[in-house]
Amino acid sequence: MKSIWTANYENNAIKIINTWFDGEPLYVNNDLQDKKFGLVSSNLTGHIINSKNEKEHIKATIFGWFKVDCILFISDKKIELTKEK
């Protein structure tokens, strides 16, 4: 089973993937920034460069057992995700 969430933030494409056997990667602009392997939850971290050329930190958490979900924060602000799959 595979779940994919996406978001766009200040012209940065963010993709978070959850798979049973290949782990949970975090991509920013198609570059892998973090990857974890967790049974119940995974915490992923990364960064983006905003329109002011400043680095902002990303935190994503994948959680759940029967229904997997994801939450994303950029600079401690919750960002809405779109579940693609």
PDB file of N, CA and C in Angstrom:
ATOM      1  N   MET A   1       0.841  -1.178   0.000  1.00  0.00           N
ATOM      2  CA  MET A   1       0.000   0.000   0.000  1.00  0.00           C
ATOM      3  C   MET A   1       0.886   1.242   0.000  1.00  0.00           C
ATOM      4  N   LYS A   2       0.456   2.254  -0.749  1.00  0.00           N
ATOM      5  CA  LYS A   2       1.248   3.466  -0.909  1.00  0.00           C
ATOM      6  C   LYS A   2       0.337   4.679  -0.779  1.00  0.00           C
ATOM      7  N   SER A   3       0.773   5.658   0.007  1.00  0.00           N
ATOM      8  CA  SER A   3       0.049   6.926   0.145  1.00  0.00           C
ATOM      9  C   SER A   3       0.996   8.050  -0.243  1.00  0.00           C
ATOM     10  N   ILE A   4       0.443   9.064  -0.930  1.00  0.00           N
ATOM     11  CA  ILE A   4       1.240  10.204  -1.375  1.00  0.00           C
ATOM     12  C   ILE A   4       0.508  11.486  -1.014  1.00  0.00           C
ATOM     13  N   TRP A   5       1.233  12.434  -0.399  1.00  0.00           N
ATOM     14  CA  TRP A   5       0.694  13.756  -0.082  1.00  0.00           C
ATOM     15  C   TRP A   5       1.584  14.786  -0.756  1.00  0.00           C
ATOM     16  N   THR A   6       0.970  15.872  -1.237  1.00  0.00           N
ATOM     17  CA  THR A   6       1.727  16.939  -1.888  1.00  0.00           C
ATOM     18  C   THR A   6       1.280  18.301  -1.376  1.00  0.00           C
ATOM     19  N   ALA A   7       2.183  19.262  -1.512  1.00  0.00           N
ATOM     20  CA  ALA A   7       1.883  20.658  -1.186  1.00  0.00           C
ATOM     21  C   ALA A   7       2.825  21.535  -1.999  1.00  0.00           C
ATOM     22  N   ASN A   8       2.389  22.745  -2.258  1.00  0.00           N
ATOM     23  CA  ASN A   8       3.245  23.764  -2.864  1.00  0.00           C
ATOM     24  C   ASN A   8       3.340  24.920  -1.883  1.00  0.00           C
ATOM     25  N   TYR A   9       4.555  25.370  -1.646  1.00  0.00           N
ATOM     26  CA  TYR A   9       4.778  26.462  -0.706  1.00  0.00           C
ATOM     27  C   TYR A   9       5.858  27.364  -1.281  1.00  0.00           C
ATOM     28  N   GLU A  10       5.504  28.594  -1.591  1.00  0.00           N
ATOM     29  CA  GLU A  10       6.433  29.579  -2.144  1.00  0.00           C
ATOM     30  C   GLU A  10       7.255  28.992  -3.291  1.00  0.00           C
ATOM     31  N   ASN A  11       6.559  28.428  -4.273  1.00  0.00           N
ATOM     32  CA  ASN A  11       7.169  27.841  -5.477  1.00  0.00           C
ATOM     33  C   ASN A  11       8.058  26.638  -5.189  1.00  0.00           C
ATOM     34  N   ASN A  12       7.838  25.961  -4.081  1.00  0.00           N
ATOM     35  CA  ASN A  12       8.533  24.723  -3.752  1.00  0.00           C
ATOM     36  C   ASN A  12       7.525  23.583  -3.755  1.00  0.00           C
ATOM     37  N   ALA A  13       7.815  22.533  -4.513  1.00  0.00           N
ATOM     38  CA  ALA A  13       6.959  21.349  -4.569  1.00  0.00           C
ATOM     39  C   ALA A  13       7.411  20.364  -3.495  1.00  0.00           C
ATOM     40  N   ILE A  14       6.490  20.013  -2.599  1.00  0.00           N
ATOM     41  CA  ILE A  14       6.785  19.106  -1.487  1.00  0.00           C
ATOM     42  C   ILE A  14       5.984  17.833  -1.687  1.00  0.00           C
ATOM     43  N   LYS A  15       6.654  16.688  -1.573  1.00  0.00           N
ATOM     44  CA  LYS A  15       5.980  15.392  -1.710  1.00  0.00           C
ATOM     45  C   LYS A  15       6.421  14.482  -0.577  1.00  0.00           C
ATOM     46  N   ILE A  16       5.439  13.864   0.077  1.00  0.00           N
ATOM     47  CA  ILE A  16       5.685  12.928   1.173  1.00  0.00           C
ATOM     48  C   ILE A  16       5.029  11.615   0.781  1.00  0.00           C
ATOM     49  N   ILE A  17       5.781  10.525   0.872  1.00  0.00           N
ATOM     50  CA  ILE A  17       5.290   9.215   0.440  1.00  0.00           C
ATOM     51  C   ILE A  17       5.383   8.244   1.609  1.00  0.00           C
ATOM     52  N   ASN A  18       4.370   7.401   1.736  1.00  0.00           N
ATOM     53  CA  ASN A  18       4.374   6.335   2.738  1.00  0.00           C
ATOM     54  C   ASN A  18       4.198   5.014   2.014  1.00  0.00           C
ATOM     55  N   THR A  19       5.131   4.081   2.211  1.00  0.00           N
ATOM     56  CA  THR A  19       5.007   2.733   1.661  1.00  0.00           C
ATOM     57  C   THR A  19       5.287   1.731   2.772  1.00  0.00           C
ATOM     58  N   TRP A  20       4.779   0.545   2.608  1.00  0.00           N
ATOM     59  CA  TRP A  20       4.986  -0.484   3.623  1.00  0.00           C
ATOM     60  C   TRP A  20       6.416  -1.014   3.635  1.00  0.00           C
ATOM     61  N   PHE A  21       7.044  -1.106   2.463  1.00  0.00           N
ATOM     62  CA  PHE A  21       8.335  -1.788   2.387  1.00  0.00           C
ATOM     63  C   PHE A  21       9.508  -0.883   2.016  1.00  0.00           C
ATOM     64  N   ASP A  22       9.246   0.292   1.455  1.00  0.00           N
ATOM     65  CA  ASP A  22      10.327   1.161   0.990  1.00  0.00           C
ATOM     66  C   ASP A  22      10.511   2.411   1.838  1.00  0.00           C
ATOM     67  N   GLY A  23       9.855   2.493   2.978  1.00  0.00           N
ATOM     68  CA  GLY A  23      10.040   3.621   3.874  1.00  0.00           C
ATOM     69  C   GLY A  23       9.183   4.822   3.538  1.00  0.00           C
ATOM     70  N   GLU A  24       9.510   5.942   4.172  1.00  0.00           N
ATOM     71  CA  GLU A  24       8.752   7.186   4.038  1.00  0.00           C
ATOM     72  C   GLU A  24       9.709   8.304   3.645  1.00  0.00           C
ATOM     73  N   PRO A  25       9.797   8.636   2.356  1.00  0.00           N
ATOM     74  CA  PRO A  25      10.677   9.723   1.933  1.00  0.00           C
ATOM     75  C   PRO A  25       9.969  11.078   1.900  1.00  0.00           C
ATOM     76  N   LEU A  26      10.760  12.130   2.077  1.00  0.00           N
ATOM     77  CA  LEU A  26      10.321  13.519   1.938  1.00  0.00           C
ATOM     78  C   LEU A  26      11.117  14.129   0.796  1.00  0.00           C
ATOM     79  N   TYR A  27      10.403  14.618  -0.225  1.00  0.00           N
ATOM     80  CA  TYR A  27      11.036  15.265  -1.371  1.00  0.00           C
ATOM     81  C   TYR A  27      10.663  16.738  -1.403  1.00  0.00           C
ATOM     82  N   VAL A  28      11.630  17.580  -1.711  1.00  0.00           N
ATOM     83  CA  VAL A  28      11.383  18.996  -1.977  1.00  0.00           C
ATOM     84  C   VAL A  28      11.987  19.282  -3.345  1.00  0.00           C
ATOM     85  N   ASN A  29      11.132  19.710  -4.271  1.00  0.00           N
ATOM     86  CA  ASN A  29      11.558  19.963  -5.654  1.00  0.00           C
ATOM     87  C   ASN A  29      12.285  18.750  -6.237  1.00  0.00           C
ATOM     88  N   ASN A  30      11.727  17.568  -5.986  1.00  0.00           N
ATOM     89  CA  ASN A  30      12.232  16.273  -6.463  1.00  0.00           C
ATOM     90  C   ASN A  30      13.584  15.875  -5.876  1.00  0.00           C
ATOM     91  N   ASP A  31      14.062  16.575  -4.870  1.00  0.00           N
ATOM     92  CA  ASP A  31      15.292  16.197  -4.174  1.00  0.00           C
ATOM     93  C   ASP A  31      14.930  15.526  -2.853  1.00  0.00           C
ATOM     94  N   LEU A  32      15.480  14.338  -2.620  1.00  0.00           N
ATOM     95  CA  LEU A  32      15.239  13.619  -1.372  1.00  0.00           C
ATOM     96  C   LEU A  32      15.912  14.363  -0.224  1.00  0.00           C
ATOM     97  N   GLN A  33      15.118  14.717   0.807  1.00  0.00           N
ATOM     98  CA  GLN A  33      15.682  15.423   1.965  1.00  0.00           C
ATOM     99  C   GLN A  33      15.681  14.588   3.236  1.00  0.00           C
ATOM    100  N   ASP A  34      14.823  13.582   3.306  1.00  0.00           N
ATOM    101  CA  ASP A  34      14.806  12.715   4.483  1.00  0.00           C
ATOM    102  C   ASP A  34      14.097  11.423   4.104  1.00  0.00           C
ATOM    103  N   LYS A  35      14.425  10.352   4.811  1.00  0.00           N
ATOM    104  CA  LYS A  35      13.749   9.068   4.606  1.00  0.00           C
ATOM    105  C   LYS A  35      13.844   8.279   5.897  1.00  0.00           C
ATOM    106  N   LYS A  36      12.715   7.760   6.337  1.00  0.00           N
ATOM    107  CA  LYS A  36      12.664   6.975   7.571  1.00  0.00           C
ATOM    108  C   LYS A  36      11.910   5.675   7.303  1.00  0.00           C
ATOM    109  N   PHE A  37      12.092   4.739   8.206  1.00  0.00           N
ATOM    110  CA  PHE A  37      11.364   3.482   8.190  1.00  0.00           C
ATOM    111  C   PHE A  37      10.711   3.324   9.552  1.00  0.00           C
ATOM    112  N   GLY A  38       9.377   3.425   9.610  1.00  0.00           N
ATOM    113  CA  GLY A  38       8.680   3.326  10.884  1.00  0.00           C
ATOM    114  C   GLY A  38       7.440   2.473  10.759  1.00  0.00           C
ATOM    115  N   LEU A  39       7.087   1.792  11.829  1.00  0.00           N
ATOM    116  CA  LEU A  39       5.884   0.964  11.813  1.00  0.00           C
ATOM    117  C   LEU A  39       4.618   1.775  12.027  1.00  0.00           C
ATOM    118  N   VAL A  40       4.600   2.603  13.043  1.00  0.00           N
ATOM    119  CA  VAL A  40       3.374   3.330  13.375  1.00  0.00           C
ATOM    120  C   VAL A  40       3.460   4.794  12.969  1.00  0.00           C
ATOM    121  N   SER A  41       4.614   5.432  13.167  1.00  0.00           N
ATOM    122  CA  SER A  41       4.740   6.837  12.767  1.00  0.00           C
ATOM    123  C   SER A  41       6.175   7.137  12.365  1.00  0.00           C
ATOM    124  N   SER A  42       6.317   8.167  11.532  1.00  0.00           N
ATOM    125  CA  SER A  42       7.633   8.636  11.112  1.00  0.00           C
ATOM    126  C   SER A  42       7.657  10.149  11.168  1.00  0.00           C
ATOM    127  N   ASN A  43       8.755  10.695  11.655  1.00  0.00           N
ATOM    128  CA  ASN A  43       8.965  12.139  11.670  1.00  0.00           C
ATOM    129  C   ASN A  43      10.045  12.457  10.646  1.00  0.00           C
ATOM    130  N   LEU A  44       9.705  13.297   9.678  1.00  0.00           N
ATOM    131  CA  LEU A  44      10.616  13.663   8.604  1.00  0.00           C
ATOM    132  C   LEU A  44      10.966  15.140   8.715  1.00  0.00           C
ATOM    133  N   THR A  45      12.204  15.494   8.389  1.00  0.00           N
ATOM    134  CA  THR A  45      12.616  16.892   8.439  1.00  0.00           C
ATOM    135  C   THR A  45      13.326  17.271   7.150  1.00  0.00           C
ATOM    136  N   GLY A  46      13.253  18.547   6.828  1.00  0.00           N
ATOM    137  CA  GLY A  46      13.928  19.070   5.652  1.00  0.00           C
ATOM    138  C   GLY A  46      13.897  20.582   5.695  1.00  0.00           C
ATOM    139  N   HIS A  47      14.102  21.197   4.535  1.00  0.00           N
ATOM    140  CA  HIS A  47      14.060  22.655   4.459  1.00  0.00           C
ATOM    141  C   HIS A  47      13.685  23.091   3.045  1.00  0.00           C
ATOM    142  N   ILE A  48      13.232  24.320   2.937  1.00  0.00           N
ATOM    143  CA  ILE A  48      12.995  24.965   1.652  1.00  0.00           C
ATOM    144  C   ILE A  48      13.715  26.306   1.675  1.00  0.00           C
ATOM    145  N   ILE A  49      13.863  26.888   0.511  1.00  0.00           N
ATOM    146  CA  ILE A  49      14.357  28.258   0.392  1.00  0.00           C
ATOM    147  C   ILE A  49      13.169  29.094  -0.061  1.00  0.00           C
ATOM    148  N   ASN A  50      12.776  30.084   0.745  1.00  0.00           N
ATOM    149  CA  ASN A  50      11.585  30.874   0.432  1.00  0.00           C
ATOM    150  C   ASN A  50      11.906  31.985  -0.571  1.00  0.00           C
ATOM    151  N   SER A  51      10.908  32.808  -0.869  1.00  0.00           N
ATOM    152  CA  SER A  51      11.053  33.867  -1.875  1.00  0.00           C
ATOM    153  C   SER A  51      12.033  34.963  -1.449  1.00  0.00           C
ATOM    154  N   LYS A  52      12.341  35.030  -0.155  1.00  0.00           N
ATOM    155  CA  LYS A  52      13.331  35.998   0.349  1.00  0.00           C
ATOM    156  C   LYS A  52      14.728  35.383   0.440  1.00  0.00           C
ATOM    157  N   ASN A  53      14.871  34.185  -0.156  1.00  0.00           N
ATOM    158  CA  ASN A  53      16.125  33.438  -0.148  1.00  0.00           C
ATOM    159  C   ASN A  53      16.554  33.033   1.265  1.00  0.00           C
ATOM    160  N   GLU A  54      15.562  32.804   2.138  1.00  0.00           N
ATOM    161  CA  GLU A  54      15.808  32.359   3.509  1.00  0.00           C
ATOM    162  C   GLU A  54      15.450  30.881   3.629  1.00  0.00           C
ATOM    163  N   LYS A  55      16.194  30.174   4.470  1.00  0.00           N
ATOM    164  CA  LYS A  55      15.909  28.760   4.713  1.00  0.00           C
ATOM    165  C   LYS A  55      14.785  28.639   5.738  1.00  0.00           C
ATOM    166  N   GLU A  56      13.773  27.831   5.417  1.00  0.00           N
ATOM    167  CA  GLU A  56      12.690  27.528   6.357  1.00  0.00           C
ATOM    168  C   GLU A  56      12.675  26.021   6.594  1.00  0.00           C
ATOM    169  N   HIS A  57      12.473  25.627   7.834  1.00  0.00           N
ATOM    170  CA  HIS A  57      12.506  24.217   8.209  1.00  0.00           C
ATOM    171  C   HIS A  57      11.147  23.550   8.005  1.00  0.00           C
ATOM    172  N   ILE A  58      11.196  22.302   7.544  1.00  0.00           N
ATOM    173  CA  ILE A  58      10.007  21.482   7.298  1.00  0.00           C
ATOM    174  C   ILE A  58       9.983  20.353   8.319  1.00  0.00           C
ATOM    175  N   LYS A  59       8.795  20.088   8.869  1.00  0.00           N
ATOM    176  CA  LYS A  59       8.573  18.923   9.724  1.00  0.00           C
ATOM    177  C   LYS A  59       7.323  18.226   9.206  1.00  0.00           C
ATOM    178  N   ALA A  60       7.426  16.940   8.942  1.00  0.00           N
ATOM    179  CA  ALA A  60       6.267  16.160   8.513  1.00  0.00           C
ATOM    180  C   ALA A  60       6.169  14.925   9.400  1.00  0.00           C
ATOM    181  N   THR A  61       4.957  14.576   9.765  1.00  0.00           N
ATOM    182  CA  THR A  61       4.715  13.379  10.563  1.00  0.00           C
ATOM    183  C   THR A  61       3.696  12.514   9.851  1.00  0.00           C
ATOM    184  N   ILE A  62       4.057  11.257   9.629  1.00  0.00           N
ATOM    185  CA  ILE A  62       3.142  10.257   9.078  1.00  0.00           C
ATOM    186  C   ILE A  62       2.709   9.393  10.250  1.00  0.00           C
ATOM    187  N   PHE A  63       1.402   9.182  10.377  1.00  0.00           N
ATOM    188  CA  PHE A  63       0.896   8.451  11.542  1.00  0.00           C
ATOM    189  C   PHE A  63      -0.360   7.665  11.174  1.00  0.00           C
ATOM    190  N   GLY A  64      -0.710   6.740  12.035  1.00  0.00           N
ATOM    191  CA  GLY A  64      -1.922   5.945  11.870  1.00  0.00           C
ATOM    192  C   GLY A  64      -1.595   4.475  11.699  1.00  0.00           C
ATOM    193  N   TRP A  65      -2.612   3.667  11.819  1.00  0.00           N
ATOM    194  CA  TRP A  65      -2.442   2.227  11.672  1.00  0.00           C
ATOM    195  C   TRP A  65      -3.344   1.709  10.567  1.00  0.00           C
ATOM    196  N   PHE A  66      -4.657   1.834  10.733  1.00  0.00           N
ATOM    197  CA  PHE A  66      -5.588   1.384   9.699  1.00  0.00           C
ATOM    198  C   PHE A  66      -5.770   2.441   8.619  1.00  0.00           C
ATOM    199  N   LYS A  67      -5.735   3.704   9.005  1.00  0.00           N
ATOM    200  CA  LYS A  67      -5.831   4.818   8.064  1.00  0.00           C
ATOM    201  C   LYS A  67      -4.609   5.697   8.284  1.00  0.00           C
ATOM    202  N   VAL A  68      -3.754   5.763   7.292  1.00  0.00           N
ATOM    203  CA  VAL A  68      -2.518   6.533   7.403  1.00  0.00           C
ATOM    204  C   VAL A  68      -2.801   7.984   7.028  1.00  0.00           C
ATOM    205  N   ASP A  69      -2.237   8.911   7.801  1.00  0.00           N
ATOM    206  CA  ASP A  69      -2.416  10.332   7.537  1.00  0.00           C
ATOM    207  C   ASP A  69      -1.075  11.040   7.699  1.00  0.00           C
ATOM    208  N   CYS A  70      -1.032  12.286   7.279  1.00  0.00           N
ATOM    209  CA  CYS A  70       0.206  13.055   7.335  1.00  0.00           C
ATOM    210  C   CYS A  70      -0.114  14.494   7.699  1.00  0.00           C
ATOM    211  N   ILE A  71       0.784  15.119   8.444  1.00  0.00           N
ATOM    212  CA  ILE A  71       0.656  16.526   8.804  1.00  0.00           C
ATOM    213  C   ILE A  71       2.001  17.192   8.505  1.00  0.00           C
ATOM    214  N   LEU A  72       1.945  18.427   7.984  1.00  0.00           N
ATOM    215  CA  LEU A  72       3.143  19.141   7.554  1.00  0.00           C
ATOM    216  C   LEU A  72       3.205  20.511   8.212  1.00  0.00           C
ATOM    217  N   PHE A  73       4.387  20.860   8.710  1.00  0.00           N
ATOM    218  CA  PHE A  73       4.637  22.190   9.266  1.00  0.00           C
ATOM    219  C   PHE A  73       5.863  22.783   8.581  1.00  0.00           C
ATOM    220  N   ILE A  74       5.771  24.057   8.229  1.00  0.00           N
ATOM    221  CA  ILE A  74       6.915  24.805   7.724  1.00  0.00           C
ATOM    222  C   ILE A  74       7.089  26.010   8.633  1.00  0.00           C
ATOM    223  N   SER A  75       8.263  26.107   9.239  1.00  0.00           N
ATOM    224  CA  SER A  75       8.543  27.161  10.235  1.00  0.00           C
ATOM    225  C   SER A  75       7.437  27.224  11.289  1.00  0.00           C
ATOM    226  N   ASP A  76       7.050  26.062  11.788  1.00  0.00           N
ATOM    227  CA  ASP A  76       6.049  25.895  12.848  1.00  0.00           C
ATOM    228  C   ASP A  76       4.645  26.348  12.453  1.00  0.00           C
ATOM    229  N   LYS A  77       4.362  26.453  11.170  1.00  0.00           N
ATOM    230  CA  LYS A  77       3.033  26.812  10.673  1.00  0.00           C
ATOM    231  C   LYS A  77       2.479  25.626   9.890  1.00  0.00           C
ATOM    232  N   LYS A  78       1.256  25.199  10.234  1.00  0.00           N
ATOM    233  CA  LYS A  78       0.652  24.054   9.562  1.00  0.00           C
ATOM    234  C   LYS A  78       0.328  24.411   8.111  1.00  0.00           C
ATOM    235  N   ILE A  79       0.708  23.510   7.208  1.00  0.00           N
ATOM    236  CA  ILE A  79       0.486  23.677   5.777  1.00  0.00           C
ATOM    237  C   ILE A  79      -0.469  22.580   5.313  1.00  0.00           C
ATOM    238  N   GLU A  80      -1.470  22.960   4.547  1.00  0.00           N
ATOM    239  CA  GLU A  80      -2.440  21.991   4.038  1.00  0.00           C
ATOM    240  C   GLU A  80      -1.795  21.085   2.990  1.00  0.00           C
ATOM    241  N   LEU A  81      -2.077  19.808   3.096  1.00  0.00           N
ATOM    242  CA  LEU A  81      -1.595  18.808   2.156  1.00  0.00           C
ATOM    243  C   LEU A  81      -2.751  18.304   1.306  1.00  0.00           C
ATOM    244  N   THR A  82      -2.439  17.869   0.100  1.00  0.00           N
ATOM    245  CA  THR A  82      -3.402  17.201  -0.768  1.00  0.00           C
ATOM    246  C   THR A  82      -3.006  15.737  -0.840  1.00  0.00           C
ATOM    247  N   LYS A  83      -3.949  14.844  -0.541  1.00  0.00           N
ATOM    248  CA  LYS A  83      -3.655  13.413  -0.640  1.00  0.00           C
ATOM    249  C   LYS A  83      -3.881  12.997  -2.086  1.00  0.00           C
ATOM    250  N   GLU A  84      -2.803  12.579  -2.746  1.00  0.00           N
ATOM    251  CA  GLU A  84      -2.862  12.196  -4.156  1.00  0.00           C
ATOM    252  C   GLU A  84      -3.260  10.737  -4.324  1.00  0.00           C
ATOM    253  N   LYS A  85      -2.849   9.909  -3.382  1.00  0.00           N
ATOM    254  CA  LYS A  85      -3.120   8.471  -3.490  1.00  0.00           C
ATOM    255  C   LYS A  85      -3.236   7.878  -2.109  1.00  0.00           C
TER     256      LYS A  85
END
